[in-house]
Structures are given as C-alpha cells and as structure tokens.
Amino acid sequence: MRFNGAGIVLALFLGMLAVFPSVLESGDGKRLKPSARDKCPVCGMFVAKYPDWLAQISFKDGTTFFFDGPKDMLKFYFNLNRYSPKQKVDDIGSAYVTDYYSLLPIDGFSALYVIGSDVYGPMGRELIPFGKSQEATEFKRDHKGREVLKFRDITPAVVKGLD
C-alpha cells in the first residue's frame, strides 16, 4: 500500500487518536461534546454550532450545562439563583473552557482570560481563554487586549462590561 504525503499525515493522526483518545477529552476523561439539541441556558443558542468556543459546568450530582462561550458560562456562574436555583457554587464539580489556540478543553478555574481584544465570540465581546500564560500575553499584545485575568479576578462587573 502506498501513501502520499497527505495520506501519511492522516494515517499518523488517526493512529494518534487511537492511542491517545484523551486529546478530545477533558482532564477527567469526559468529552466536551454537547448534543445538537443542547442550548446555552443563558442565551438559548445551540452550543454545538460553536465548538471553538465551548464551555461547560458540571455539578457534583452529574448535571452538566454547556455554553457557547466563557462569557455566558460566567454569567451563569455568577447568577446560579436565576439559571439553576437548586445548585450552589460549592456544588460545581468542574468547569471547562476551550483554549483559544489549541481548541482543547482546559480547566476553567485555572485558565487565563484576555478581555478587551479585537477577537469576538458567538455573543460578541468575549473572555478569550488560555491554558498558558505566555500565549495569553502574546494574544493580548497581538489583538489589542486590555487585560489578562485569572478566574478569581473576574467579577460580575467585568462580565457585564463585555455586553
């Protein structure tokens, strides 16, 4: 069997997925893959249409919510009484966002977020997530970002300022 250059690359990629399926999974082995029917609880958009912006909050009881971007995930987080009144912040088991460059799921609580850039998400101005500090800093510089924030530094006022 003969392979051209593209065929070899494709065969290597498929082989890697077979050996390392976690490339498409979060750190706890759960895929960030909403169904075609999953809607963002904040804006009502079908989230599967925006895989590059996908965010997720999972509660310890197994309840999971998908979002079309980190901004709506944070609106949800800061206003649980409105969106999921039976849950509390302490009930959250995990939060994931999609790293802007790698497009892989990363821990939303340890991610870095660039605000005020010239890059827009599905809902307009967005918090742009990164797993690596250097990438966040370079993105901020290259895309006229205003600030790089840690999760703990993001407030409801910061999120509201993006609307």
Foldseek 3Di string as FASTA:
>chain_A
DDDDPVRVVVVVVVVCCVVCVCQQPEPVRHGLADDQPAAALQPGHRQNVQLLAKKKWAFPVGDIHIDNHVLSVVVCLQCVCPRPVVDHNVRTPFMWTQANPSRHTYGLQAWKWFFDFPDATPVGGHTHTHPDPVVNVVRCVVGVTDDIGHPVPDDPVNSVVRD
